[in-house]
Amino acid sequence: MSCGTGYELTENNQCKDIDECKIETHNCGFDFICQNTQGSFRCRPKMQCGSGFLQDALGNCIGRKQFHFTVGFRS
């Protein structure tokens, strides 16, 4: 019997999730927190962006561009 990626075979022949965060085999950067998931892990930014900002894949906060359209009519 074999297990899928992110799992290990126990002595009882059952597949158990590997906690990559606990055993520190993840690749999360310094500004990220490792969060274990079933069969994998996620890297969550330590810093959360404030209102009006979006967070990119590197954890940077980027201001949202807001566009205002004004339509003028002539009579």
PDB file of N, CA and C in Angstrom:
ATOM      1  N   MET A   1       0.848  -1.177   0.000  1.00  0.00           N
ATOM      2  CA  MET A   1       0.000   0.000   0.000  1.00  0.00           C
ATOM      3  C   MET A   1       0.894   1.240   0.000  1.00  0.00           C
ATOM      4  N   SER A   2       0.473   2.257  -0.710  1.00  0.00           N
ATOM      5  CA  SER A   2       1.209   3.520  -0.712  1.00  0.00           C
ATOM      6  C   SER A   2       0.233   4.673  -0.526  1.00  0.00           C
ATOM      7  N   CYS A   3       0.760   5.778  -0.105  1.00  0.00           N
ATOM      8  CA  CYS A   3      -0.052   6.974   0.137  1.00  0.00           C
ATOM      9  C   CYS A   3       0.295   8.042  -0.896  1.00  0.00           C
ATOM     10  N   GLY A   4      -0.609   8.974  -1.072  1.00  0.00           N
ATOM     11  CA  GLY A   4      -0.389  10.071  -2.004  1.00  0.00           C
ATOM     12  C   GLY A   4       0.578  11.105  -1.446  1.00  0.00           C
ATOM     13  N   THR A   5       0.895  12.070  -2.278  1.00  0.00           N
ATOM     14  CA  THR A   5       1.794  13.153  -1.888  1.00  0.00           C
ATOM     15  C   THR A   5       1.257  13.874  -0.658  1.00  0.00           C
ATOM     16  N   GLY A   6       2.122  14.138   0.291  1.00  0.00           N
ATOM     17  CA  GLY A   6       1.734  14.838   1.505  1.00  0.00           C
ATOM     18  C   GLY A   6       1.226  13.935   2.615  1.00  0.00           C
ATOM     19  N   TYR A   7       1.269  12.635   2.368  1.00  0.00           N
ATOM     20  CA  TYR A   7       0.820  11.651   3.358  1.00  0.00           C
ATOM     21  C   TYR A   7       1.915  10.616   3.582  1.00  0.00           C
ATOM     22  N   GLU A   8       1.893   9.987   4.754  1.00  0.00           N
ATOM     23  CA  GLU A   8       2.835   8.913   5.053  1.00  0.00           C
ATOM     24  C   GLU A   8       2.066   7.712   5.561  1.00  0.00           C
ATOM     25  N   LEU A   9       2.628   6.539   5.345  1.00  0.00           N
ATOM     26  CA  LEU A   9       2.007   5.300   5.774  1.00  0.00           C
ATOM     27  C   LEU A   9       2.394   5.016   7.223  1.00  0.00           C
ATOM     28  N   THR A  10       1.396   4.787   8.063  1.00  0.00           N
ATOM     29  CA  THR A  10       1.656   4.506   9.479  1.00  0.00           C
ATOM     30  C   THR A  10       1.883   3.012   9.685  1.00  0.00           C
ATOM     31  N   GLU A  11       2.242   2.652  10.906  1.00  0.00           N
ATOM     32  CA  GLU A  11       2.453   1.234  11.257  1.00  0.00           C
ATOM     33  C   GLU A  11       1.166   0.421  11.100  1.00  0.00           C
ATOM     34  N   ASN A  12       0.023   1.104  11.198  1.00  0.00           N
ATOM     35  CA  ASN A  12      -1.284   0.439  11.070  1.00  0.00           C
ATOM     36  C   ASN A  12      -1.770   0.404   9.626  1.00  0.00           C
ATOM     37  N   ASN A  13      -0.864   0.687   8.676  1.00  0.00           N
ATOM     38  CA  ASN A  13      -1.207   0.719   7.242  1.00  0.00           C
ATOM     39  C   ASN A  13      -2.306   1.721   6.916  1.00  0.00           C
ATOM     40  N   GLN A  14      -2.251   2.882   7.565  1.00  0.00           N
ATOM     41  CA  GLN A  14      -3.175   3.963   7.262  1.00  0.00           C
ATOM     42  C   GLN A  14      -2.371   5.165   6.796  1.00  0.00           C
ATOM     43  N   CYS A  15      -2.960   5.945   5.915  1.00  0.00           N
ATOM     44  CA  CYS A  15      -2.292   7.153   5.420  1.00  0.00           C
ATOM     45  C   CYS A  15      -2.567   8.308   6.375  1.00  0.00           C
ATOM     46  N   LYS A  16      -1.505   8.962   6.792  1.00  0.00           N
ATOM     47  CA  LYS A  16      -1.593  10.075   7.743  1.00  0.00           C
ATOM     48  C   LYS A  16      -0.996  11.321   7.089  1.00  0.00           C
ATOM     49  N   ASP A  17      -1.668  12.449   7.274  1.00  0.00           N
ATOM     50  CA  ASP A  17      -1.182  13.722   6.742  1.00  0.00           C
ATOM     51  C   ASP A  17       0.182  14.062   7.331  1.00  0.00           C
ATOM     52  N   ILE A  18       1.091  14.518   6.490  1.00  0.00           N
ATOM     53  CA  ILE A  18       2.388  15.011   6.959  1.00  0.00           C
ATOM     54  C   ILE A  18       2.226  16.490   7.260  1.00  0.00           C
ATOM     55  N   ASP A  19       2.583  16.920   8.449  1.00  0.00           N
ATOM     56  CA  ASP A  19       2.503  18.337   8.821  1.00  0.00           C
ATOM     57  C   ASP A  19       3.824  19.012   8.446  1.00  0.00           C
ATOM     58  N   GLU A  20       3.864  19.546   7.225  1.00  0.00           N
ATOM     59  CA  GLU A  20       5.077  20.191   6.718  1.00  0.00           C
ATOM     60  C   GLU A  20       5.477  21.396   7.567  1.00  0.00           C
ATOM     61  N   CYS A  21       4.509  22.023   8.187  1.00  0.00           N
ATOM     62  CA  CYS A  21       4.799  23.190   9.036  1.00  0.00           C
ATOM     63  C   CYS A  21       5.531  22.759  10.303  1.00  0.00           C
ATOM     64  N   LYS A  22       5.053  21.694  10.907  1.00  0.00           N
ATOM     65  CA  LYS A  22       5.631  21.211  12.163  1.00  0.00           C
ATOM     66  C   LYS A  22       7.050  20.684  11.962  1.00  0.00           C
ATOM     67  N   ILE A  23       7.271  19.955  10.862  1.00  0.00           N
ATOM     68  CA  ILE A  23       8.602  19.388  10.646  1.00  0.00           C
ATOM     69  C   ILE A  23       9.491  20.313   9.804  1.00  0.00           C
ATOM     70  N   GLU A  24       8.965  21.490   9.500  1.00  0.00           N
ATOM     71  CA  GLU A  24       9.695  22.570   8.808  1.00  0.00           C
ATOM     72  C   GLU A  24      10.267  22.146   7.457  1.00  0.00           C
ATOM     73  N   THR A  25       9.443  21.472   6.650  1.00  0.00           N
ATOM     74  CA  THR A  25       9.841  21.142   5.283  1.00  0.00           C
ATOM     75  C   THR A  25       9.123  22.031   4.263  1.00  0.00           C
ATOM     76  N   HIS A  26       8.411  23.042   4.742  1.00  0.00           N
ATOM     77  CA  HIS A  26       7.705  23.977   3.859  1.00  0.00           C
ATOM     78  C   HIS A  26       8.698  24.975   3.262  1.00  0.00           C
ATOM     79  N   ASN A  27       8.235  25.743   2.290  1.00  0.00           N
ATOM     80  CA  ASN A  27       9.076  26.757   1.669  1.00  0.00           C
ATOM     81  C   ASN A  27       8.512  28.166   1.851  1.00  0.00           C
ATOM     82  N   CYS A  28       7.787  28.379   2.930  1.00  0.00           N
ATOM     83  CA  CYS A  28       7.225  29.708   3.198  1.00  0.00           C
ATOM     84  C   CYS A  28       8.351  30.680   3.556  1.00  0.00           C
ATOM     85  N   GLY A  29       8.264  31.879   3.024  1.00  0.00           N
ATOM     86  CA  GLY A  29       9.263  32.904   3.299  1.00  0.00           C
ATOM     87  C   GLY A  29       9.160  33.447   4.714  1.00  0.00           C
ATOM     88  N   PHE A  30      10.097  34.313   5.063  1.00  0.00           N
ATOM     89  CA  PHE A  30      10.180  34.879   6.408  1.00  0.00           C
ATOM     90  C   PHE A  30       8.917  35.646   6.804  1.00  0.00           C
ATOM     91  N   ASP A  31       8.305  36.349   5.866  1.00  0.00           N
ATOM     92  CA  ASP A  31       7.135  37.164   6.167  1.00  0.00           C
ATOM     93  C   ASP A  31       5.823  36.386   6.097  1.00  0.00           C
ATOM     94  N   PHE A  32       5.918  35.046   6.084  1.00  0.00           N
ATOM     95  CA  PHE A  32       4.734  34.212   5.960  1.00  0.00           C
ATOM     96  C   PHE A  32       4.651  33.205   7.098  1.00  0.00           C
ATOM     97  N   ILE A  33       3.437  32.763   7.374  1.00  0.00           N
ATOM     98  CA  ILE A  33       3.161  31.749   8.385  1.00  0.00           C
ATOM     99  C   ILE A  33       2.696  30.500   7.651  1.00  0.00           C
ATOM    100  N   CYS A  34       3.270  29.362   7.997  1.00  0.00           N
ATOM    101  CA  CYS A  34       2.874  28.096   7.388  1.00  0.00           C
ATOM    102  C   CYS A  34       1.586  27.611   8.039  1.00  0.00           C
ATOM    103  N   GLN A  35       0.628  27.198   7.200  1.00  0.00           N
ATOM    104  CA  GLN A  35      -0.628  26.630   7.689  1.00  0.00           C
ATOM    105  C   GLN A  35      -0.786  25.251   7.061  1.00  0.00           C
ATOM    106  N   ASN A  36      -0.825  24.210   7.882  1.00  0.00           N
ATOM    107  CA  ASN A  36      -0.963  22.854   7.376  1.00  0.00           C
ATOM    108  C   ASN A  36      -2.363  22.647   6.812  1.00  0.00           C
ATOM    109  N   THR A  37      -2.437  21.921   5.701  1.00  0.00           N
ATOM    110  CA  THR A  37      -3.709  21.503   5.106  1.00  0.00           C
ATOM    111  C   THR A  37      -3.598  20.012   4.828  1.00  0.00           C
ATOM    112  N   GLN A  38      -4.693  19.352   4.526  1.00  0.00           N
ATOM    113  CA  GLN A  38      -4.670  17.924   4.237  1.00  0.00           C
ATOM    114  C   GLN A  38      -3.841  17.668   2.975  1.00  0.00           C
ATOM    115  N   GLY A  39      -2.723  16.989   3.127  1.00  0.00           N
ATOM    116  CA  GLY A  39      -1.871  16.631   2.010  1.00  0.00           C
ATOM    117  C   GLY A  39      -0.954  17.729   1.507  1.00  0.00           C
ATOM    118  N   SER A  40      -0.985  18.890   2.151  1.00  0.00           N
ATOM    119  CA  SER A  40      -0.166  20.007   1.678  1.00  0.00           C
ATOM    120  C   SER A  40      -0.025  21.060   2.777  1.00  0.00           C
ATOM    121  N   PHE A  41       0.213  22.301   2.364  1.00  0.00           N
ATOM    122  CA  PHE A  41       0.301  23.434   3.290  1.00  0.00           C
ATOM    123  C   PHE A  41       0.058  24.715   2.514  1.00  0.00           C
ATOM    124  N   ARG A  42      -0.190  25.792   3.249  1.00  0.00           N
ATOM    125  CA  ARG A  42      -0.366  27.122   2.658  1.00  0.00           C
ATOM    126  C   ARG A  42       0.574  28.085   3.348  1.00  0.00           C
ATOM    127  N   CYS A  43       1.013  29.079   2.627  1.00  0.00           N
ATOM    128  CA  CYS A  43       1.823  30.158   3.191  1.00  0.00           C
ATOM    129  C   CYS A  43       0.940  31.387   3.300  1.00  0.00           C
ATOM    130  N   ARG A  44       0.665  31.809   4.527  1.00  0.00           N
ATOM    131  CA  ARG A  44      -0.190  32.980   4.762  1.00  0.00           C
ATOM    132  C   ARG A  44       0.662  34.149   5.206  1.00  0.00           C
ATOM    133  N   PRO A  45       0.432  35.327   4.656  1.00  0.00           N
ATOM    134  CA  PRO A  45       1.213  36.505   5.050  1.00  0.00           C
ATOM    135  C   PRO A  45       1.015  36.833   6.528  1.00  0.00           C
ATOM    136  N   LYS A  46       2.105  37.183   7.206  1.00  0.00           N
ATOM    137  CA  LYS A  46       2.018  37.605   8.613  1.00  0.00           C
ATOM    138  C   LYS A  46       1.279  38.924   8.707  1.00  0.00           C
ATOM    139  N   MET A  47       1.584  39.821   7.775  1.00  0.00           N
ATOM    140  CA  MET A  47       0.974  41.145   7.785  1.00  0.00           C
ATOM    141  C   MET A  47      -0.329  41.107   6.989  1.00  0.00           C
ATOM    142  N   GLN A  48      -1.375  41.636   7.560  1.00  0.00           N
ATOM    143  CA  GLN A  48      -2.654  41.736   6.874  1.00  0.00           C
ATOM    144  C   GLN A  48      -2.834  43.174   6.395  1.00  0.00           C
ATOM    145  N   CYS A  49      -3.341  43.331   5.195  1.00  0.00           N
ATOM    146  CA  CYS A  49      -3.525  44.670   4.627  1.00  0.00           C
ATOM    147  C   CYS A  49      -4.735  45.360   5.234  1.00  0.00           C
ATOM    148  N   GLY A  50      -4.646  46.655   5.307  1.00  0.00           N
ATOM    149  CA  GLY A  50      -5.749  47.456   5.813  1.00  0.00           C
ATOM    150  C   GLY A  50      -6.815  47.660   4.748  1.00  0.00           C
ATOM    151  N   SER A  51      -7.869  48.320   5.133  1.00  0.00           N
ATOM    152  CA  SER A  51      -8.976  48.598   4.240  1.00  0.00           C
ATOM    153  C   SER A  51      -8.487  49.412   3.036  1.00  0.00           C
ATOM    154  N   GLY A  52      -8.959  49.061   1.856  1.00  0.00           N
ATOM    155  CA  GLY A  52      -8.572  49.775   0.646  1.00  0.00           C
ATOM    156  C   GLY A  52      -7.333  49.227  -0.033  1.00  0.00           C
ATOM    157  N   PHE A  53      -6.777  48.127   0.490  1.00  0.00           N
ATOM    158  CA  PHE A  53      -5.582  47.533  -0.093  1.00  0.00           C
ATOM    159  C   PHE A  53      -5.816  46.070  -0.423  1.00  0.00           C
ATOM    160  N   LEU A  54      -5.111  45.587  -1.414  1.00  0.00           N
ATOM    161  CA  LEU A  54      -5.123  44.178  -1.792  1.00  0.00           C
ATOM    162  C   LEU A  54      -3.744  43.600  -1.510  1.00  0.00           C
ATOM    163  N   GLN A  55      -3.673  42.317  -1.253  1.00  0.00           N
ATOM    164  CA  GLN A  55      -2.391  41.682  -0.955  1.00  0.00           C
ATOM    165  C   GLN A  55      -1.980  40.797  -2.125  1.00  0.00           C
ATOM    166  N   ASP A  56      -0.749  40.994  -2.623  1.00  0.00           N
ATOM    167  CA  ASP A  56      -0.267  40.177  -3.734  1.00  0.00           C
ATOM    168  C   ASP A  56       0.326  38.868  -3.223  1.00  0.00           C
ATOM    169  N   ALA A  57       0.805  38.028  -4.141  1.00  0.00           N
ATOM    170  CA  ALA A  57       1.322  36.706  -3.793  1.00  0.00           C
ATOM    171  C   ALA A  57       2.572  36.762  -2.935  1.00  0.00           C
ATOM    172  N   LEU A  58       3.257  37.910  -2.921  1.00  0.00           N
ATOM    173  CA  LEU A  58       4.459  38.067  -2.104  1.00  0.00           C
ATOM    174  C   LEU A  58       4.162  38.670  -0.739  1.00  0.00           C
ATOM    175  N   GLY A  59       2.887  38.984  -0.481  1.00  0.00           N
ATOM    176  CA  GLY A  59       2.489  39.540   0.802  1.00  0.00           C
ATOM    177  C   GLY A  59       2.498  41.060   0.858  1.00  0.00           C
ATOM    178  N   ASN A  60       2.790  41.714  -0.270  1.00  0.00           N
ATOM    179  CA  ASN A  60       2.820  43.177  -0.319  1.00  0.00           C
ATOM    180  C   ASN A  60       1.411  43.734  -0.382  1.00  0.00           C
ATOM    181  N   CYS A  61       1.197  44.853   0.289  1.00  0.00           N
ATOM    182  CA  CYS A  61      -0.094  45.531   0.241  1.00  0.00           C
ATOM    183  C   CYS A  61      -0.061  46.562  -0.880  1.00  0.00           C
ATOM    184  N   ILE A  62      -1.042  46.475  -1.755  1.00  0.00           N
ATOM    185  CA  ILE A  62      -1.101  47.351  -2.912  1.00  0.00           C
ATOM    186  C   ILE A  62      -2.425  48.091  -2.879  1.00  0.00           C
ATOM    187  N   GLY A  63      -2.378  49.412  -3.067  1.00  0.00           N
ATOM    188  CA  GLY A  63      -3.595  50.219  -3.065  1.00  0.00           C
ATOM    189  C   GLY A  63      -4.491  49.867  -4.233  1.00  0.00           C
ATOM    190  N   ARG A  64      -5.787  49.791  -3.976  1.00  0.00           N
ATOM    191  CA  ARG A  64      -6.760  49.526  -5.036  1.00  0.00           C
ATOM    192  C   ARG A  64      -6.969  50.796  -5.833  1.00  0.00           C
ATOM    193  N   LYS A  65      -6.952  50.658  -7.115  1.00  0.00           N
ATOM    194  CA  LYS A  65      -7.235  51.804  -7.974  1.00  0.00           C
ATOM    195  C   LYS A  65      -8.735  51.884  -8.152  1.00  0.00           C
ATOM    196  N   GLN A  66      -9.261  53.036  -7.858  1.00  0.00           N
ATOM    197  CA  GLN A  66     -10.695  53.223  -8.018  1.00  0.00           C
ATOM    198  C   GLN A  66     -10.911  54.181  -9.172  1.00  0.00           C
ATOM    199  N   PHE A  67     -11.741  53.776 -10.085  1.00  0.00           N
ATOM    200  CA  PHE A  67     -12.018  54.588 -11.260  1.00  0.00           C
ATOM    201  C   PHE A  67     -13.403  55.197 -11.134  1.00  0.00           C
ATOM    202  N   HIS A  68     -13.480  56.471 -11.398  1.00  0.00           N
ATOM    203  CA  HIS A  68     -14.755  57.186 -11.373  1.00  0.00           C
ATOM    204  C   HIS A  68     -15.012  57.692 -12.782  1.00  0.00           C
ATOM    205  N   PHE A  69     -16.161  57.332 -13.338  1.00  0.00           N
ATOM    206  CA  PHE A  69     -16.507  57.768 -14.679  1.00  0.00           C
ATOM    207  C   PHE A  69     -17.588  58.832 -14.585  1.00  0.00           C
ATOM    208  N   THR A  70     -17.348  59.929 -15.249  1.00  0.00           N
ATOM    209  CA  THR A  70     -18.344  60.991 -15.303  1.00  0.00           C
ATOM    210  C   THR A  70     -18.797  61.107 -16.747  1.00  0.00           C
ATOM    211  N   VAL A  71     -20.070  61.010 -16.946  1.00  0.00           N
ATOM    212  CA  VAL A  71     -20.618  61.112 -18.300  1.00  0.00           C
ATOM    213  C   VAL A  71     -21.396  62.403 -18.379  1.00  0.00           C
ATOM    214  N   GLY A  72     -21.041  63.232 -19.332  1.00  0.00           N
ATOM    215  CA  GLY A  72     -21.747  64.502 -19.511  1.00  0.00           C
ATOM    216  C   GLY A  72     -22.685  64.416 -20.716  1.00  0.00           C
ATOM    217  N   PHE A  73     -23.820  65.033 -20.580  1.00  0.00           N
ATOM    218  CA  PHE A  73     -24.800  65.044 -21.668  1.00  0.00           C
ATOM    219  C   PHE A  73     -25.024  66.481 -22.084  1.00  0.00           C
ATOM    220  N   ARG A  74     -25.154  66.661 -23.388  1.00  0.00           N
ATOM    221  CA  ARG A  74     -25.502  67.989 -23.906  1.00  0.00           C
ATOM    222  C   ARG A  74     -26.975  67.984 -24.288  1.00  0.00           C
ATOM    223  N   SER A  75     -27.622  69.107 -24.006  1.00  0.00           N
ATOM    224  CA  SER A  75     -29.023  69.182 -24.401  1.00  0.00           C
ATOM    225  C   SER A  75     -29.161  69.927 -25.695  1.00  0.00           C
TER     226      SER A  75
END
